[in-house]
Amino acid sequence: MTPRTPAPRSRRDRPAKPALTHDAIVAAAVRLMAAEGLQRVTMRRLAQELDTGPASLYVYVAGTAELHAAILADLLGEVDLASAAGDGDWRDRLAQVLLSYTRVLFDHPGLAHSALVARPSGPHYLALVETILALLHEGGVPDGQAAWGVDVLLQVATATAAEQSARSGDPDAEKDHDALVEALGQASSRTYPRIAALGADLSSGSPQQRLAWIFRAVVNGTAGTPRSAG
């Protein structure tokens, strides 16, 4: 007996696909990044994930760079802005906020590199900028200097996260660091007197301690450097 061929299923019998929205696209992109890595989050691959055509996505997102910026904007909700509140020194609280931002990027290595060129603009990013500006204002930093300083602080944090994520888990990077420490320790005091004088202190401190110091140095520079009128 010849088996019967199943009748074609009408499109009307299929579950309706959820309507595309910007938020739904970003949420799917975040899930895709977690499963396959940021390098796989392209407009074509995301369209496959959403069972649609790439052209449909371009109505909501201009391209891959903007998509990555939107992913970052979504993940910035993980930044601990609550550390800005409290009675401690405002510089220390600001450093804690920036360290939290750096950790979020460090947890998503590909995104840290993308963040160097893809600037987010969502509410989480605006909340981060507002928090930094509020702390600078609390510390008496003039508004004009704060307006430029917030950009520098975020650039330092982003670049640091990108560098650290690139080195994380790379045995060659660890070897390079060890070789640098050894070279500094063996530097001739006659040829390199200042290197020899500082010695091990050139590579002392944990990455978090050094980064917190960098943030404080940038903040102090922001507070003490007037904007040029020219």
Protein backbone atom coordinates (compact mmCIF):
# COMPACT_ATOMS: atom_id res chain seq x y z
CA MET A 1 0.00 0.00 0.00
CA THR A 2 1.46 3.34 -1.05
CA PRO A 3 1.84 5.75 1.90
CA ARG A 4 -0.18 8.89 1.63
CA THR A 5 1.72 12.12 1.18
CA PRO A 6 0.83 14.62 3.94
CA ALA A 7 -1.16 17.54 2.69
CA PRO A 8 0.78 20.83 2.61
CA ARG A 9 0.29 22.84 5.74
CA SER A 10 -1.32 26.18 5.21
CA ARG A 11 0.61 29.23 6.37
CA ARG A 12 -2.54 30.20 8.22
CA ASP A 13 -2.13 27.11 10.43
CA ARG A 14 1.33 28.19 11.61
CA PRO A 15 1.71 30.19 14.82
CA ALA A 16 1.91 33.86 14.03
CA LYS A 17 5.42 35.28 14.41
CA PRO A 18 5.77 38.01 17.02
CA ALA A 19 5.84 41.46 15.49
CA LEU A 20 9.32 42.88 15.00
CA THR A 21 10.26 45.72 17.33
CA HIS A 22 13.56 47.35 18.17
CA ASP A 23 13.47 45.88 21.69
CA ALA A 24 12.71 42.38 20.39
CA ILE A 25 15.58 42.59 17.90
CA VAL A 26 18.04 43.70 20.60
CA ALA A 27 16.84 40.99 22.99
CA ALA A 28 17.37 38.36 20.30
CA ALA A 29 20.82 39.78 19.55
CA VAL A 30 21.79 39.56 23.23
CA ARG A 31 20.68 35.90 23.34
CA LEU A 32 22.58 35.16 20.14
CA MET A 33 25.73 36.78 21.50
CA ALA A 34 25.52 34.71 24.68
CA ALA A 35 25.12 31.51 22.67
CA GLU A 36 27.48 32.06 19.74
CA GLY A 37 29.66 35.11 20.48
CA LEU A 38 29.52 38.67 19.24
CA GLN A 39 31.25 37.86 15.94
CA ARG A 40 28.16 35.83 14.97
CA VAL A 41 25.78 38.69 15.66
CA THR A 42 25.34 39.95 12.11
CA MET A 43 22.23 41.25 10.44
CA ARG A 44 21.99 38.10 8.28
CA ARG A 45 22.45 35.69 11.20
CA LEU A 46 20.02 37.61 13.38
CA ALA A 47 17.45 37.58 10.58
CA GLN A 48 17.71 33.78 10.49
CA GLU A 49 17.23 33.65 14.24
CA LEU A 50 14.09 35.78 13.96
CA ASP A 51 12.82 33.92 10.88
CA THR A 52 12.71 37.01 8.74
CA GLY A 53 14.72 38.73 6.05
CA PRO A 54 17.66 41.07 6.73
CA ALA A 55 15.79 43.89 4.98
CA SER A 56 13.14 43.75 7.71
CA LEU A 57 15.77 44.41 10.38
CA TYR A 58 17.14 47.49 8.63
CA VAL A 59 13.84 49.22 9.34
CA TYR A 60 14.83 49.21 13.02
CA VAL A 61 18.66 49.02 13.00
CA ALA A 62 20.96 50.75 10.50
CA GLY A 63 23.60 48.01 10.49
CA THR A 64 25.84 45.70 12.50
CA ALA A 65 27.72 48.53 14.24
CA GLU A 66 24.47 50.10 15.45
CA LEU A 67 23.24 46.65 16.49
CA HIS A 68 26.34 46.11 18.63
CA ALA A 69 25.87 49.54 20.17
CA ALA A 70 22.29 48.60 21.02
CA ILE A 71 23.48 45.37 22.66
CA LEU A 72 25.94 47.37 24.76
CA ALA A 73 23.23 49.86 25.68
CA ASP A 74 21.09 46.97 26.92
CA LEU A 75 23.89 45.34 28.94
CA LEU A 76 24.77 48.64 30.62
CA GLY A 77 21.77 47.98 32.83
CA GLU A 78 24.17 45.68 34.76
CA VAL A 79 26.41 48.60 35.81
CA ASP A 80 26.20 49.23 39.56
CA LEU A 81 25.07 52.83 39.73
CA ALA A 82 23.97 52.40 43.34
CA SER A 83 27.61 52.64 44.40
CA ALA A 84 27.41 56.35 43.54
CA ALA A 85 25.30 56.92 46.65
CA GLY A 86 26.84 57.08 50.12
CA ASP A 87 29.00 59.20 52.38
CA GLY A 88 32.44 58.22 51.11
CA ASP A 89 34.73 60.41 49.05
CA TRP A 90 33.05 61.25 45.75
CA ARG A 91 36.20 60.27 43.83
CA ASP A 92 36.13 56.78 45.33
CA ARG A 93 32.43 56.40 44.53
CA LEU A 94 33.05 57.56 40.97
CA ALA A 95 35.88 55.03 40.63
CA GLN A 96 33.53 52.27 41.79
CA VAL A 97 30.96 53.19 39.13
CA LEU A 98 33.62 53.19 36.42
CA LEU A 99 35.09 49.90 37.67
CA SER A 100 31.63 48.36 37.45
CA TYR A 101 31.27 49.63 33.87
CA THR A 102 34.68 48.15 33.03
CA ARG A 103 33.70 44.77 34.49
CA VAL A 104 30.54 44.65 32.38
CA LEU A 105 32.63 45.16 29.24
CA PHE A 106 35.28 42.72 30.44
CA ASP A 107 32.59 40.03 30.83
CA HIS A 108 31.78 40.46 27.12
CA PRO A 109 35.19 40.58 25.37
CA GLY A 110 33.97 41.13 21.82
CA LEU A 111 31.69 43.90 22.97
CA ALA A 112 34.55 45.70 24.70
CA HIS A 113 36.33 46.09 21.36
CA SER A 114 33.12 47.09 19.61
CA ALA A 115 32.46 49.74 22.28
CA LEU A 116 35.59 51.61 21.19
CA VAL A 117 33.77 52.73 18.05
CA ALA A 118 30.10 51.90 18.66
CA ARG A 119 28.71 54.43 21.11
CA PRO A 120 25.45 53.46 22.86
CA SER A 121 22.68 55.96 23.39
CA GLY A 122 19.96 54.14 25.32
CA PRO A 123 18.54 54.96 28.76
CA HIS A 124 21.12 52.81 30.61
CA TYR A 125 23.95 54.71 28.95
CA LEU A 126 22.31 58.06 29.72
CA ALA A 127 21.89 56.96 33.36
CA LEU A 128 25.60 56.12 33.50
CA VAL A 129 26.60 59.51 32.05
CA GLU A 130 24.18 61.31 34.39
CA THR A 131 25.65 59.50 37.41
CA ILE A 132 29.22 60.41 36.44
CA LEU A 133 28.27 64.04 35.84
CA ALA A 134 26.40 64.19 39.16
CA LEU A 135 29.47 62.95 41.03
CA LEU A 136 31.74 65.42 39.23
CA HIS A 137 29.28 68.19 40.13
CA GLU A 138 29.27 67.01 43.76
CA GLY A 139 33.04 67.33 43.75
CA GLY A 140 32.87 70.92 42.51
CA VAL A 141 34.22 70.22 39.02
CA PRO A 142 33.22 73.12 36.71
CA ASP A 143 30.51 72.14 34.25
CA GLY A 144 32.58 72.75 31.13
CA GLN A 145 35.41 70.54 32.40
CA ALA A 146 32.95 67.86 33.51
CA ALA A 147 31.34 67.87 30.05
CA TRP A 148 34.66 66.91 28.47
CA GLY A 149 35.94 64.84 31.39
CA VAL A 150 33.08 62.33 31.29
CA ASP A 151 34.07 61.38 27.74
CA VAL A 152 37.71 60.83 28.74
CA LEU A 153 36.74 58.72 31.75
CA LEU A 154 34.54 56.44 29.65
CA GLN A 155 37.20 56.19 26.95
CA VAL A 156 39.81 55.09 29.52
CA ALA A 157 37.43 52.50 30.99
CA THR A 158 36.44 51.16 27.56
CA ALA A 159 40.00 50.94 26.25
CA THR A 160 41.16 49.22 29.44
CA ALA A 161 38.37 46.63 29.21
CA ALA A 162 39.20 45.99 25.55
CA GLU A 163 42.89 45.51 26.33
CA GLN A 164 42.28 43.26 29.33
CA SER A 165 39.73 41.13 27.49
CA ALA A 166 42.15 40.66 24.61
CA ARG A 167 44.86 39.44 27.00
CA SER A 168 42.58 37.28 29.15
CA GLY A 169 43.26 33.59 28.66
CA ASP A 170 46.08 34.25 26.18
CA PRO A 171 49.25 32.45 27.36
CA ASP A 172 51.40 34.57 25.03
CA ALA A 173 50.10 37.74 26.68
CA GLU A 174 51.08 36.38 30.09
CA LYS A 175 54.55 35.52 28.79
CA ASP A 176 54.91 39.03 27.36
CA HIS A 177 53.99 40.54 30.73
CA ASP A 178 56.49 38.33 32.55
CA ALA A 179 59.19 39.24 30.03
CA LEU A 180 58.49 42.95 30.55
CA VAL A 181 58.67 42.62 34.34
CA GLU A 182 61.98 40.75 34.02
CA ALA A 183 63.39 43.37 31.61
CA LEU A 184 62.46 46.20 33.97
CA GLY A 185 64.01 44.37 36.92
CA GLN A 186 67.29 43.79 35.08
CA ALA A 187 67.62 47.30 33.63
CA SER A 188 71.07 48.83 34.10
CA SER A 189 71.13 51.64 36.65
CA ARG A 190 73.77 53.40 34.55
CA THR A 191 71.79 53.33 31.30
CA TYR A 192 68.27 53.52 32.77
CA PRO A 193 68.65 55.19 36.19
CA ARG A 194 64.99 56.04 36.72
CA ILE A 195 63.79 52.56 35.76
CA ALA A 196 66.33 51.02 38.15
CA ALA A 197 65.33 53.42 40.92
CA LEU A 198 61.66 52.52 40.69
CA GLY A 199 62.30 48.82 40.10
CA ALA A 200 59.43 46.50 40.98
CA ASP A 201 57.10 49.40 41.71
CA LEU A 202 56.70 49.90 37.95
CA SER A 203 54.67 46.69 37.79
CA SER A 204 53.21 46.70 41.31
CA GLY A 205 49.54 46.68 42.27
CA SER A 206 46.58 44.65 41.05
CA PRO A 207 44.83 45.59 37.80
CA GLN A 208 41.88 46.90 39.82
CA GLN A 209 44.13 49.04 42.05
CA ARG A 210 45.92 50.50 39.05
CA LEU A 211 42.68 51.19 37.20
CA ALA A 212 41.11 52.89 40.23
CA TRP A 213 44.22 55.08 40.46
CA ILE A 214 43.96 55.94 36.76
CA PHE A 215 40.36 57.03 37.23
CA ARG A 216 41.30 59.24 40.19
CA ALA A 217 44.18 60.74 38.20
CA VAL A 218 41.87 61.56 35.28
CA VAL A 219 39.27 63.01 37.65
CA ASN A 220 41.87 65.19 39.35
CA GLY A 221 43.13 66.32 35.96
CA THR A 222 39.58 67.10 34.87
CA ALA A 223 38.96 69.15 37.99
CA GLY A 224 42.22 71.08 37.69
CA THR A 225 42.43 71.68 33.94
CA PRO A 226 40.36 74.61 32.62
CA ARG A 227 39.06 74.41 29.09
CA SER A 228 40.97 76.55 26.64
CA ALA A 229 39.10 79.53 25.25
CA GLY A 230 40.79 79.06 21.90
